[in-house]
N, C-alpha and C. Protein backbone atom coordinates (compact mmCIF):
# COMPACT_ATOMS: atom_id res chain seq x y z
N MET A 1 1.00 -1.00 -0.01
CA MET A 1 -0.29 -0.07 0.10
C MET A 1 0.62 1.26 -0.04
N GLN A 2 1.94 1.24 0.61
CA GLN A 2 2.68 2.43 0.65
C GLN A 2 3.40 2.65 -0.74
N ARG A 3 3.72 1.72 -1.51
CA ARG A 3 4.09 1.64 -2.84
C ARG A 3 2.97 2.58 -3.60
N ALA A 4 1.41 2.21 -3.45
CA ALA A 4 0.14 2.83 -4.21
C ALA A 4 0.31 4.44 -3.65
N LEU A 5 0.94 4.95 -2.75
CA LEU A 5 0.85 6.17 -2.28
C LEU A 5 1.61 7.12 -3.06
N ILE A 6 2.94 6.40 -3.77
CA ILE A 6 3.95 6.99 -4.32
C ILE A 6 3.72 7.83 -5.46
N PRO A 7 2.58 6.97 -6.50
CA PRO A 7 2.44 7.93 -8.06
C PRO A 7 1.35 8.91 -7.23
N GLY A 8 0.37 8.91 -6.27
CA GLY A 8 -0.67 9.48 -6.15
C GLY A 8 0.09 11.21 -5.20
N VAL A 9 0.88 10.82 -4.40
CA VAL A 9 1.48 11.81 -3.74
C VAL A 9 2.61 12.68 -4.57
N LEU A 10 3.17 11.96 -5.78
CA LEU A 10 3.98 12.82 -6.36
C LEU A 10 3.09 13.50 -7.32
N ALA A 11 2.07 12.93 -7.97
CA ALA A 11 1.07 13.94 -8.71
C ALA A 11 0.31 14.97 -8.07
N MET A 12 -0.13 14.65 -7.09
CA MET A 12 -0.50 15.81 -5.98
C MET A 12 0.48 16.80 -5.76
N ALA A 13 1.73 16.47 -5.54
CA ALA A 13 2.74 17.68 -5.46
C ALA A 13 2.86 18.61 -6.46
N ALA A 14 3.18 17.19 -7.46
CA ALA A 14 3.39 18.43 -9.12
C ALA A 14 2.16 19.63 -9.31
N ILE A 15 0.85 18.73 -9.08
CA ILE A 15 -0.26 20.16 -9.23
C ILE A 15 0.09 21.06 -8.27
N VAL A 16 0.10 20.78 -7.12
CA VAL A 16 0.29 21.99 -5.89
C VAL A 16 1.24 23.00 -6.23
N VAL A 17 2.41 22.33 -6.82
CA VAL A 17 3.53 23.12 -6.99
C VAL A 17 3.33 24.25 -8.59
N ALA A 18 2.97 23.32 -9.43
CA ALA A 18 2.78 23.98 -10.59
C ALA A 18 1.39 25.21 -10.41
N SER A 19 0.39 24.84 -9.88
CA SER A 19 -0.70 25.86 -9.34
C SER A 19 -0.05 26.86 -8.71
N ASN A 20 0.89 26.74 -7.97
CA ASN A 20 1.26 27.86 -7.08
C ASN A 20 2.05 29.00 -8.05
N ILE A 21 2.79 27.89 -8.91
CA ILE A 21 3.71 28.88 -9.73
C ILE A 21 2.66 29.61 -11.11
N LEU A 22 1.83 29.07 -11.14
CA LEU A 22 0.91 29.52 -12.57
C LEU A 22 0.04 30.39 -11.75
N VAL A 23 -0.13 30.76 -10.67
CA VAL A 23 -1.30 31.38 -10.26
C VAL A 23 -0.60 32.91 -10.21
N GLN A 24 0.70 33.17 -10.87
CA GLN A 24 1.21 33.91 -10.81
C GLN A 24 0.95 35.08 -12.09
N PHE A 25 0.44 34.33 -13.28
CA PHE A 25 0.49 34.87 -14.48
C PHE A 25 -1.13 34.79 -14.96
N LEU A 26 -1.58 35.84 -15.26
CA LEU A 26 -2.80 36.04 -15.61
C LEU A 26 -3.06 35.47 -16.74
N PHE A 27 -4.65 35.38 -16.82
CA PHE A 27 -5.29 34.76 -18.08
C PHE A 27 -6.50 35.48 -18.22
N GLY A 28 -6.17 36.35 -19.16
CA GLY A 28 -7.55 37.26 -19.47
C GLY A 28 -7.86 38.28 -18.06
N ASN A 29 -8.90 38.84 -18.17
CA ASN A 29 -9.40 39.75 -17.03
C ASN A 29 -9.73 38.79 -15.30
N TRP A 30 -10.02 37.96 -15.51
CA TRP A 30 -10.69 37.24 -14.53
C TRP A 30 -10.06 36.00 -14.00
N LEU A 31 -8.99 35.40 -14.68
CA LEU A 31 -8.37 34.23 -14.32
C LEU A 31 -6.32 34.15 -14.22
N THR A 32 -6.04 33.29 -13.99
CA THR A 32 -4.88 32.89 -13.92
C THR A 32 -4.62 31.51 -14.50
N TRP A 33 -3.34 31.22 -14.85
CA TRP A 33 -3.32 30.03 -15.36
C TRP A 33 -3.10 28.83 -14.52
N GLY A 34 -3.38 29.11 -13.32
CA GLY A 34 -3.04 28.22 -12.28
C GLY A 34 -4.56 27.48 -12.12
N ALA A 35 -5.80 28.37 -12.44
CA ALA A 35 -7.09 28.13 -12.51
C ALA A 35 -7.33 26.70 -13.20
N PHE A 36 -6.66 26.35 -14.30
CA PHE A 36 -6.57 25.32 -14.81
C PHE A 36 -5.90 24.03 -14.56
N THR A 37 -4.71 24.46 -13.88
CA THR A 37 -4.20 23.08 -13.10
C THR A 37 -4.70 22.67 -11.85
N TYR A 38 -5.03 23.63 -10.93
CA TYR A 38 -5.53 23.47 -9.60
C TYR A 38 -6.53 22.32 -9.64
N PRO A 39 -7.40 22.46 -10.45
CA PRO A 39 -8.78 21.25 -10.35
C PRO A 39 -8.32 20.17 -10.33
N LEU A 40 -7.19 19.81 -11.16
CA LEU A 40 -6.51 18.48 -11.43
C LEU A 40 -6.41 17.59 -9.95
N ALA A 41 -6.29 18.23 -9.16
CA ALA A 41 -5.82 17.93 -7.90
C ALA A 41 -7.21 16.92 -7.25
N PHE A 42 -8.22 17.38 -7.58
CA PHE A 42 -9.72 16.60 -7.46
C PHE A 42 -9.44 15.29 -8.06
N LEU A 43 -9.07 15.36 -9.41
CA LEU A 43 -8.92 13.99 -10.15
C LEU A 43 -7.87 13.06 -9.47
N VAL A 44 -7.12 13.44 -8.91
CA VAL A 44 -5.80 12.68 -8.49
C VAL A 44 -6.58 12.07 -7.16
N THR A 45 -7.48 12.80 -6.40
CA THR A 45 -7.99 12.20 -5.13
C THR A 45 -9.08 11.28 -5.56
N ASP A 46 -9.53 11.71 -6.68
CA ASP A 46 -11.06 10.57 -6.91
C ASP A 46 -10.23 9.30 -6.86
N VAL A 47 -9.15 9.31 -8.18
CA VAL A 47 -8.39 8.30 -8.53
C VAL A 47 -7.87 7.25 -7.38
N MET A 48 -7.43 7.82 -6.58
CA MET A 48 -6.82 7.30 -5.21
C MET A 48 -7.86 6.82 -4.53
N ASN A 49 -9.06 7.34 -4.42
CA ASN A 49 -10.16 7.11 -3.74
C ASN A 49 -10.59 5.87 -4.61
N ARG A 50 -11.02 6.02 -5.44
CA ARG A 50 -11.79 4.48 -6.30
C ARG A 50 -10.69 3.52 -6.08
N VAL A 51 -9.46 3.36 -6.62
CA VAL A 51 -8.53 2.80 -6.65
C VAL A 51 -8.14 1.83 -5.25
N TYR A 52 -7.53 2.78 -4.22
CA TYR A 52 -6.88 2.32 -3.14
C TYR A 52 -7.77 2.69 -1.91
N GLY A 53 -8.83 3.64 -1.70
CA GLY A 53 -9.92 3.81 -0.88
C GLY A 53 -9.64 5.15 0.04
N ALA A 54 -10.45 5.50 0.62
CA ALA A 54 -10.55 6.78 1.58
C ALA A 54 -9.54 7.20 2.12
N ALA A 55 -9.03 6.14 3.01
CA ALA A 55 -7.59 6.41 3.79
C ALA A 55 -6.28 6.64 3.21
N THR A 56 -6.49 6.24 2.17
CA THR A 56 -5.17 6.17 1.38
C THR A 56 -5.21 7.56 0.44
N ALA A 57 -6.32 7.99 0.10
CA ALA A 57 -6.99 9.16 -0.59
C ALA A 57 -6.48 10.02 0.18
N ARG A 58 -7.00 10.54 1.48
CA ARG A 58 -6.86 11.37 2.65
C ARG A 58 -5.23 11.38 2.87
N LYS A 59 -4.49 10.59 2.83
CA LYS A 59 -2.93 10.71 2.94
C LYS A 59 -2.69 11.44 1.83
N VAL A 60 -2.93 11.10 0.76
CA VAL A 60 -2.21 12.42 -0.60
C VAL A 60 -2.87 13.58 0.01
N VAL A 61 -4.06 13.55 0.23
CA VAL A 61 -4.37 14.93 0.35
C VAL A 61 -3.75 15.82 1.22
N PHE A 62 -3.17 14.80 2.43
CA PHE A 62 -2.27 15.41 3.48
C PHE A 62 -0.99 15.87 2.90
N ALA A 63 -0.56 15.06 2.09
CA ALA A 63 0.99 15.45 1.45
C ALA A 63 0.78 16.67 0.14
N GLY A 64 -0.61 17.18 -0.19
CA GLY A 64 -0.83 18.13 -0.86
C GLY A 64 -0.74 19.21 -0.21
N PHE A 65 -1.24 19.04 1.18
CA PHE A 65 -1.54 19.96 2.09
C PHE A 65 -0.11 20.52 2.31
N VAL A 66 0.65 19.68 2.90
CA VAL A 66 2.05 20.08 3.25
C VAL A 66 3.10 20.76 2.17
N THR A 67 2.99 20.08 0.82
CA THR A 67 3.35 20.80 -0.19
C THR A 67 2.78 22.39 -0.24
N GLY A 68 1.68 22.47 -0.14
CA GLY A 68 0.90 23.74 -0.37
C GLY A 68 1.85 24.78 0.64
N ILE A 69 1.95 24.29 2.05
CA ILE A 69 2.46 24.84 2.95
C ILE A 69 3.67 25.46 2.50
N LEU A 70 4.72 24.24 2.16
CA LEU A 70 5.99 24.60 1.71
C LEU A 70 6.17 25.77 0.45
N CYS A 71 5.14 25.90 -0.37
CA CYS A 71 4.87 26.53 -1.54
C CYS A 71 4.82 28.10 -0.99
N SER A 72 3.96 27.78 0.00
CA SER A 72 3.19 29.22 0.49
C SER A 72 4.61 29.96 1.34
N PHE A 73 5.47 29.21 1.90
CA PHE A 73 6.04 29.78 2.91
C PHE A 73 7.64 30.07 1.63
N ILE A 74 7.81 29.36 0.95
CA ILE A 74 8.84 30.14 -0.09
C ILE A 74 8.21 31.47 -0.83
N GLY A 75 6.90 31.12 -0.87
CA GLY A 75 6.20 32.98 -1.54
C GLY A 75 6.53 33.71 -0.90
N THR A 76 6.19 33.75 0.70
CA THR A 76 6.31 34.59 1.39
C THR A 76 8.01 35.15 1.29
N GLN A 77 8.88 34.52 0.97
CA GLN A 77 10.25 34.88 0.89
C GLN A 77 10.39 35.68 -0.27
N ILE A 78 9.51 35.61 -1.48
CA ILE A 78 10.07 36.32 -2.64
C ILE A 78 9.46 37.61 -2.98
N MET A 79 9.85 38.75 -2.99
CA MET A 79 8.96 39.89 -3.07
C MET A 79 9.01 40.36 -4.53
N GLY A 80 7.52 40.35 -4.66
CA GLY A 80 7.08 40.90 -6.19
C GLY A 80 6.98 42.30 -6.25
N GLU A 81 6.25 42.82 -7.14
CA GLU A 81 6.05 44.32 -7.40
C GLU A 81 5.37 44.99 -6.15
N PHE A 82 4.57 44.01 -5.40
CA PHE A 82 3.96 44.89 -4.51
C PHE A 82 3.85 44.34 -3.03
N GLY A 83 4.80 43.40 -3.02
CA GLY A 83 5.11 42.97 -1.80
C GLY A 83 5.58 41.39 -2.03
N PRO A 84 5.56 40.80 -1.17
CA PRO A 84 5.75 39.36 -1.02
C PRO A 84 4.72 38.62 -2.04
N LEU A 85 5.23 37.81 -2.62
CA LEU A 85 4.07 36.98 -3.67
C LEU A 85 3.26 36.13 -2.90
N VAL A 86 3.21 35.70 -1.85
CA VAL A 86 1.87 35.11 -0.84
C VAL A 86 2.15 35.79 0.48
N THR A 87 1.01 36.37 1.01
CA THR A 87 0.90 37.12 2.23
C THR A 87 0.11 36.13 3.09
N LEU A 88 -0.03 36.17 4.11
CA LEU A 88 -0.56 35.50 5.55
C LEU A 88 -2.14 35.27 4.77
N ARG A 89 -2.77 36.06 4.78
CA ARG A 89 -4.23 35.69 4.19
C ARG A 89 -4.44 34.80 2.96
N ILE A 90 -3.15 34.79 2.03
CA ILE A 90 -3.39 34.26 0.76
C ILE A 90 -3.03 32.72 1.24
N ALA A 91 -1.89 32.50 2.27
CA ALA A 91 -1.56 31.42 2.58
C ALA A 91 -2.31 30.77 3.42
N LEU A 92 -3.44 31.34 4.44
CA LEU A 92 -4.28 30.73 5.28
C LEU A 92 -5.43 30.56 4.05
N ALA A 93 -6.17 31.12 3.45
CA ALA A 93 -6.96 31.05 2.46
C ALA A 93 -6.60 29.61 1.59
N SER A 94 -5.59 29.80 1.08
CA SER A 94 -5.00 28.20 0.05
C SER A 94 -5.08 27.30 1.05
N GLY A 95 -4.65 27.08 2.19
CA GLY A 95 -4.45 25.90 2.94
C GLY A 95 -6.18 25.21 3.53
N LEU A 96 -6.69 26.34 4.05
CA LEU A 96 -8.03 25.93 4.66
C LEU A 96 -8.54 25.18 3.40
N ALA A 97 -8.70 26.23 2.22
CA ALA A 97 -9.77 25.89 1.02
C ALA A 97 -9.23 24.25 0.57
N PHE A 98 -8.06 24.24 0.48
CA PHE A 98 -7.58 22.96 -0.04
C PHE A 98 -7.98 21.79 0.70
N LEU A 99 -7.49 21.81 2.01
CA LEU A 99 -7.86 20.90 2.97
C LEU A 99 -9.27 20.64 3.34
N THR A 100 -10.06 21.66 3.49
CA THR A 100 -11.23 21.30 3.77
C THR A 100 -12.09 20.80 2.39
N ALA A 101 -11.77 21.07 1.13
CA ALA A 101 -12.57 20.70 0.02
C ALA A 101 -12.15 19.49 -0.33
N GLN A 102 -10.63 19.07 -0.35
CA GLN A 102 -9.99 17.71 -0.43
C GLN A 102 -10.52 16.63 0.33
N LEU A 103 -11.12 16.87 1.55
CA LEU A 103 -11.51 15.84 2.71
C LEU A 103 -12.94 15.93 2.46
N MET A 104 -13.66 16.85 2.15
CA MET A 104 -15.05 16.87 1.66
C MET A 104 -15.27 16.10 0.46
N ASP A 105 -14.33 15.97 -0.41
CA ASP A 105 -14.36 15.38 -1.79
C ASP A 105 -13.83 13.93 -1.67
N VAL A 106 -13.18 13.42 -0.84
CA VAL A 106 -12.77 12.23 -0.12
C VAL A 106 -14.35 11.69 0.74
N ALA A 107 -14.63 12.27 1.51
CA ALA A 107 -16.09 11.63 2.35
C ALA A 107 -16.96 11.80 1.25
N ILE A 108 -17.57 12.26 0.32
CA ILE A 108 -18.72 12.33 -0.66
C ILE A 108 -18.33 11.49 -1.39
N PHE A 109 -17.40 10.76 -2.17
CA PHE A 109 -17.04 10.21 -3.06
C PHE A 109 -17.16 8.60 -2.25
N ASP A 110 -16.39 8.83 -0.94
CA ASP A 110 -16.69 7.43 -0.48
C ASP A 110 -18.14 6.91 0.06
N ARG A 111 -18.94 7.93 0.16
CA ARG A 111 -20.58 7.85 0.56
C ARG A 111 -20.93 7.15 -0.87
N LEU A 112 -20.46 7.54 -1.90
CA LEU A 112 -21.20 7.24 -3.28
C LEU A 112 -20.62 6.36 -3.91
N ARG A 113 -19.85 5.73 -3.23
CA ARG A 113 -18.91 4.74 -4.43
C ARG A 113 -19.66 3.63 -4.89
N GLU A 114 -20.68 3.21 -4.35
CA GLU A 114 -21.31 2.31 -4.84
C GLU A 114 -22.24 2.38 -6.10
N GLY A 115 -22.50 3.45 -6.30
CA GLY A 115 -23.14 4.11 -7.34
C GLY A 115 -22.74 3.80 -8.60
N ARG A 116 -23.57 4.38 -9.83
CA ARG A 116 -22.68 4.39 -10.95
C ARG A 116 -21.54 5.15 -11.18
N TRP A 117 -20.58 4.82 -12.01
CA TRP A 117 -19.20 4.80 -11.95
C TRP A 117 -18.73 6.35 -11.91
N TRP A 118 -19.68 7.31 -12.58
CA TRP A 118 -19.78 8.58 -12.70
C TRP A 118 -20.28 9.37 -11.53
N ARG A 119 -20.88 8.91 -10.80
CA ARG A 119 -21.66 9.88 -9.80
C ARG A 119 -20.80 10.16 -8.67
N ALA A 120 -19.99 9.32 -7.91
CA ALA A 120 -18.90 9.86 -7.13
C ALA A 120 -18.07 10.76 -7.28
N PRO A 121 -17.51 10.74 -8.63
CA PRO A 121 -16.12 11.58 -8.88
C PRO A 121 -16.97 12.88 -9.13
N LEU A 122 -17.97 13.06 -10.27
CA LEU A 122 -18.63 14.01 -10.38
C LEU A 122 -19.13 14.73 -9.19
N ALA A 123 -19.84 14.01 -8.33
CA ALA A 123 -20.72 14.96 -7.22
C ALA A 123 -19.53 15.24 -6.03
N SER A 124 -18.58 14.45 -5.85
CA SER A 124 -17.53 14.73 -5.04
C SER A 124 -16.58 15.95 -5.50
N THR A 125 -16.35 16.06 -6.72
CA THR A 125 -15.74 17.12 -7.21
C THR A 125 -16.42 18.34 -7.25
N LEU A 126 -17.84 18.56 -7.63
CA LEU A 126 -18.50 19.56 -7.83
C LEU A 126 -18.84 20.18 -6.57
N ILE A 127 -18.80 19.55 -5.41
CA ILE A 127 -19.18 20.09 -4.21
C ILE A 127 -17.87 20.54 -3.61
N GLY A 128 -16.69 19.48 -3.95
CA GLY A 128 -15.56 20.25 -3.24
C GLY A 128 -15.28 21.25 -3.89
N SER A 129 -14.79 21.67 -5.01
CA SER A 129 -14.87 22.56 -5.69
C SER A 129 -15.31 24.00 -5.37
N THR A 130 -16.85 23.68 -5.22
CA THR A 130 -17.32 25.05 -5.08
C THR A 130 -17.17 25.66 -3.32
N LEU A 131 -16.79 24.40 -2.65
CA LEU A 131 -16.45 24.47 -1.36
C LEU A 131 -15.04 25.40 -1.47
N ASP A 132 -14.04 25.11 -2.06
CA ASP A 132 -12.68 25.44 -2.51
C ASP A 132 -12.75 26.79 -2.39
N THR A 133 -13.52 27.44 -3.68
CA THR A 133 -13.67 28.58 -4.25
C THR A 133 -14.21 29.42 -3.28
N VAL A 134 -15.58 28.97 -2.59
CA VAL A 134 -16.03 29.78 -1.40
C VAL A 134 -15.06 30.42 -0.45
N ILE A 135 -14.32 29.24 -0.16
CA ILE A 135 -13.43 29.63 1.44
C ILE A 135 -12.13 30.11 0.71
N PHE A 136 -11.78 29.80 -0.25
CA PHE A 136 -10.68 31.00 -0.74
C PHE A 136 -10.56 32.13 -0.77
N PHE A 137 -11.54 32.49 -1.68
CA PHE A 137 -11.92 33.96 -2.31
C PHE A 137 -12.18 35.00 -1.21
N THR A 138 -13.37 34.03 -0.30
CA THR A 138 -13.90 34.96 1.17
C THR A 138 -12.42 35.22 2.04
N ILE A 139 -12.00 34.25 2.38
CA ILE A 139 -10.91 34.43 3.43
C ILE A 139 -9.69 35.53 2.66
N ALA A 140 -9.42 35.32 1.46
CA ALA A 140 -8.41 35.71 0.84
C ALA A 140 -8.40 37.31 0.68
N PHE A 141 -10.03 37.79 0.05
CA PHE A 141 -10.19 39.08 -0.34
C PHE A 141 -11.50 40.14 0.45
N SER A 142 -12.47 39.27 1.03
CA SER A 142 -13.47 39.79 1.56
C SER A 142 -12.95 40.96 2.58
N ALA A 143 -13.61 41.80 2.45
CA ALA A 143 -13.39 43.08 3.26
C ALA A 143 -13.52 42.93 4.80
N THR A 144 -14.56 42.15 5.17
CA THR A 144 -14.87 41.47 6.38
C THR A 144 -13.85 40.88 7.33
N LEU A 145 -12.89 40.32 6.68
CA LEU A 145 -12.01 39.87 6.94
C LEU A 145 -10.59 40.36 7.01
N THR A 146 -10.68 41.64 6.96
CA THR A 146 -9.37 42.64 6.84
C THR A 146 -8.62 42.14 7.82
N PHE A 147 -9.16 42.18 9.18
CA PHE A 147 -8.58 41.95 10.51
C PHE A 147 -7.78 40.75 10.46
N LEU A 148 -7.62 39.61 9.51
CA LEU A 148 -6.60 38.69 9.76
C LEU A 148 -5.31 39.03 9.35
N GLU A 149 -5.33 40.42 8.51
CA GLU A 149 -3.86 40.83 8.19
C GLU A 149 -3.96 42.44 7.82
N PRO A 150 -4.18 43.28 8.94
CA PRO A 150 -4.44 44.53 8.91
C PRO A 150 -3.39 45.27 7.57
N ALA A 151 -2.26 44.72 7.86
CA ALA A 151 -1.35 45.76 7.23
C ALA A 151 -1.13 45.11 5.54
N ASN A 152 -1.87 43.97 5.07
CA ASN A 152 -2.18 43.47 3.63
C ASN A 152 -3.41 44.44 2.87
N ASP A 153 -2.96 45.41 2.26
CA ASP A 153 -4.27 46.09 1.64
C ASP A 153 -4.69 45.37 0.29
N VAL A 154 -5.76 44.76 0.82
CA VAL A 154 -6.39 44.06 -0.55
C VAL A 154 -7.91 44.84 -0.92
N SER A 155 -7.81 46.14 -0.71
CA SER A 155 -8.74 47.09 -1.37
C SER A 155 -9.01 46.84 -2.86
N TRP A 156 -7.92 46.82 -3.57
CA TRP A 156 -8.64 46.46 -4.81
C TRP A 156 -9.30 45.46 -5.41
N ALA A 157 -9.50 44.46 -4.34
CA ALA A 157 -10.41 43.56 -4.98
C ALA A 157 -11.67 43.94 -4.36
N GLY A 158 -12.05 44.67 -3.77
CA GLY A 158 -13.26 44.83 -3.23
C GLY A 158 -13.75 46.50 -4.36
N GLU A 159 -13.20 46.41 -5.03
CA GLU A 159 -13.30 47.76 -5.96
C GLU A 159 -15.13 47.18 -6.78
N MET A 160 -16.04 48.07 -6.91
CA MET A 160 -17.35 47.72 -7.54
C MET A 160 -16.91 47.44 -9.05
N LEU A 161 -17.58 46.66 -9.47
CA LEU A 161 -17.53 46.44 -11.02
C LEU A 161 -18.77 45.40 -11.32
N PRO A 162 -19.43 45.63 -12.56
CA PRO A 162 -20.16 44.43 -12.99
C PRO A 162 -19.63 43.30 -12.96
N ILE A 163 -20.21 41.95 -12.20
CA ILE A 163 -19.80 40.81 -12.40
C ILE A 163 -19.58 40.15 -13.63
N LEU A 164 -18.01 40.05 -13.93
CA LEU A 164 -17.82 39.52 -15.20
C LEU A 164 -18.15 40.59 -16.21
N GLY A 165 -18.02 41.68 -15.84
CA GLY A 165 -18.28 42.66 -16.78
C GLY A 165 -19.53 43.19 -17.29
N VAL A 166 -20.41 41.94 -17.01
CA VAL A 166 -21.65 42.10 -17.81
C VAL A 166 -23.09 42.12 -17.00
N GLY A 167 -22.79 41.59 -15.66
CA GLY A 167 -23.65 41.13 -14.70
C GLY A 167 -24.07 42.59 -13.75
N PRO A 168 -24.75 42.38 -12.29
CA PRO A 168 -24.41 43.17 -11.42
C PRO A 168 -23.49 43.85 -10.83
N VAL A 169 -23.64 44.89 -10.26
CA VAL A 169 -22.12 45.70 -9.76
C VAL A 169 -21.94 44.70 -8.27
N ALA A 170 -20.65 44.39 -8.21
CA ALA A 170 -20.10 43.36 -7.03
C ALA A 170 -18.83 43.78 -6.78
N PRO A 171 -18.23 43.42 -5.59
CA PRO A 171 -16.88 43.55 -5.65
C PRO A 171 -16.06 42.61 -6.74
N LEU A 172 -14.92 43.24 -7.31
CA LEU A 172 -13.87 42.43 -8.05
C LEU A 172 -13.73 41.11 -7.83
N TRP A 173 -13.57 40.63 -6.41
CA TRP A 173 -13.38 39.41 -6.12
C TRP A 173 -14.47 38.34 -6.19
N VAL A 174 -15.56 39.02 -6.42
CA VAL A 174 -16.82 37.76 -6.37
C VAL A 174 -16.65 37.67 -7.80
N SER A 175 -16.26 38.57 -9.00
CA SER A 175 -15.92 38.21 -10.65
C SER A 175 -15.01 37.37 -10.49
N LEU A 176 -13.90 37.20 -9.76
CA LEU A 176 -12.81 36.38 -9.77
C LEU A 176 -13.00 35.04 -9.41
N ALA A 177 -14.03 34.88 -8.26
CA ALA A 177 -14.39 33.89 -7.58
C ALA A 177 -15.29 32.93 -8.60
N ILE A 178 -16.35 33.82 -9.46
CA ILE A 178 -16.99 33.04 -10.08
C ILE A 178 -16.54 32.44 -11.47
N ALA A 179 -15.68 33.36 -11.75
CA ALA A 179 -14.98 32.64 -12.82
C ALA A 179 -14.08 31.35 -12.53
N ASP A 180 -13.34 31.78 -11.30
CA ASP A 180 -12.67 30.45 -11.12
C ASP A 180 -13.71 29.33 -10.69
N TRP A 181 -14.67 29.14 -10.38
CA TRP A 181 -15.87 28.39 -10.18
C TRP A 181 -16.31 27.73 -11.45
N MET A 182 -16.49 28.32 -12.40
CA MET A 182 -16.87 27.89 -13.58
C MET A 182 -16.09 27.15 -14.40
N VAL A 183 -14.66 27.81 -14.31
CA VAL A 183 -13.34 26.76 -14.57
C VAL A 183 -13.38 25.41 -13.74
N LYS A 184 -13.73 25.37 -12.57
CA LYS A 184 -13.57 23.99 -11.71
C LYS A 184 -14.76 23.34 -12.38
N LEU A 185 -15.86 23.97 -12.38
CA LEU A 185 -17.21 22.93 -13.16
C LEU A 185 -17.14 22.53 -14.18
N SER A 186 -16.11 23.22 -15.25
CA SER A 186 -16.13 22.48 -16.40
C SER A 186 -15.27 21.45 -16.60
N LEU A 187 -13.86 21.68 -15.55
CA LEU A 187 -12.81 20.52 -15.60
C LEU A 187 -13.42 19.34 -15.03
N ALA A 188 -14.47 19.80 -13.98
CA ALA A 188 -15.14 18.61 -13.47
C ALA A 188 -15.75 17.76 -14.25
N LEU A 189 -16.10 18.29 -15.53
CA LEU A 189 -17.15 17.29 -16.47
C LEU A 189 -16.01 16.34 -17.23
N LEU A 190 -15.23 17.58 -17.80
CA LEU A 190 -13.78 16.89 -18.49
C LEU A 190 -13.06 15.81 -17.91
N ALA A 191 -13.21 16.10 -16.61
CA ALA A 191 -12.11 15.04 -15.84
C ALA A 191 -12.73 13.56 -15.83
N LEU A 192 -13.94 13.24 -15.89
CA LEU A 192 -14.52 11.93 -16.18
C LEU A 192 -14.02 11.33 -16.81
N VAL A 193 -13.65 11.67 -18.19
CA VAL A 193 -12.84 10.98 -18.98
C VAL A 193 -11.41 10.45 -18.62
N PRO A 194 -10.48 11.27 -18.20
CA PRO A 194 -9.38 10.67 -17.59
C PRO A 194 -9.93 9.67 -16.31
N PHE A 195 -10.59 10.09 -15.53
CA PHE A 195 -10.72 9.27 -14.43
C PHE A 195 -11.38 8.15 -14.85
N ARG A 196 -12.06 7.69 -15.92
CA ARG A 196 -12.94 6.58 -15.99
C ARG A 196 -11.35 5.54 -17.10
N ALA A 197 -10.94 6.33 -17.78
CA ALA A 197 -9.41 5.72 -18.31
C ALA A 197 -8.41 5.33 -17.19
N ILE A 198 -8.08 5.93 -16.34
CA ILE A 198 -7.22 5.58 -15.48
C ILE A 198 -7.89 4.45 -14.26
N VAL A 199 -8.62 4.99 -13.90
CA VAL A 199 -9.08 3.83 -13.27
C VAL A 199 -9.65 2.09 -13.81
N HIS A 200 -9.98 2.38 -15.20
CA HIS A 200 -10.15 0.93 -15.80
C HIS A 200 -8.69 0.25 -16.13
N ARG A 201 -8.01 1.28 -16.14
CA ARG A 201 -6.48 0.67 -16.63
C ARG A 201 -5.74 -0.12 -15.13
N LEU A 202 -6.38 0.38 -14.09
CA LEU A 202 -5.75 0.53 -12.77
C LEU A 202 -6.63 -0.91 -12.11
N MET A 203 -7.78 -0.71 -12.72
CA MET A 203 -8.87 -1.83 -12.22
C MET A 203 -10.04 -2.22 -12.98
N PRO A 204 -9.50 -3.10 -13.88
CA PRO A 204 -10.54 -3.41 -15.16
C PRO A 204 -11.75 -3.73 -14.99
N ASP A 205 -12.10 -4.24 -13.79
CA ASP A 205 -13.49 -4.54 -13.55
C ASP A 205 -13.95 -3.41 -12.74
N ALA A 206 -13.16 -2.45 -12.59
CA ALA A 206 -14.29 -1.39 -11.58
C ALA A 206 -15.04 0.18 -12.00
N ALA A 207 -14.48 -0.09 -13.57
CA ALA A 207 -14.71 1.51 -14.12
C ALA A 207 -15.87 0.90 -15.48
């Protein structure tokens, strides 16, 4: 079983590291490139859960969490144009969002594992992704949580703009969160294809 952990841990660590790097690069007005790699963490968790069980999947999640903490620490030591690349709020938001959402994904998947092959990965990823987005963007940018790091100016995220440039007026971070959530939902559907293929390869009778 320990050998079974290695591919999952390496895949999760690679996704977390890549996402922490790519989040520094913008994609359009509302996204970063990291938005397209981070959701793959749910695919890794779900494959490990299906093939090796919930306990192993949780170990992979904790490995990803530790990797994220290390990435955040490194980010606090790197100075960008407006200060450290990673602030306390970003680190706190990222860590709590990842751990909470991934563990919720594991629990829901495990509860639904006996149903149709697509139900567990789809439901767990949709709910986990939604939770991840809500937790991260609220903690990182909501004006009501400024007390978490008073010295960190995130007033730019509170600028009132039409949602995604066309909807009702709301703080900028709401548009960022919705765009991120939409990408996660889209990738949750697309990830069903590699999920089925990988599980079928590892467990021909399971998918």
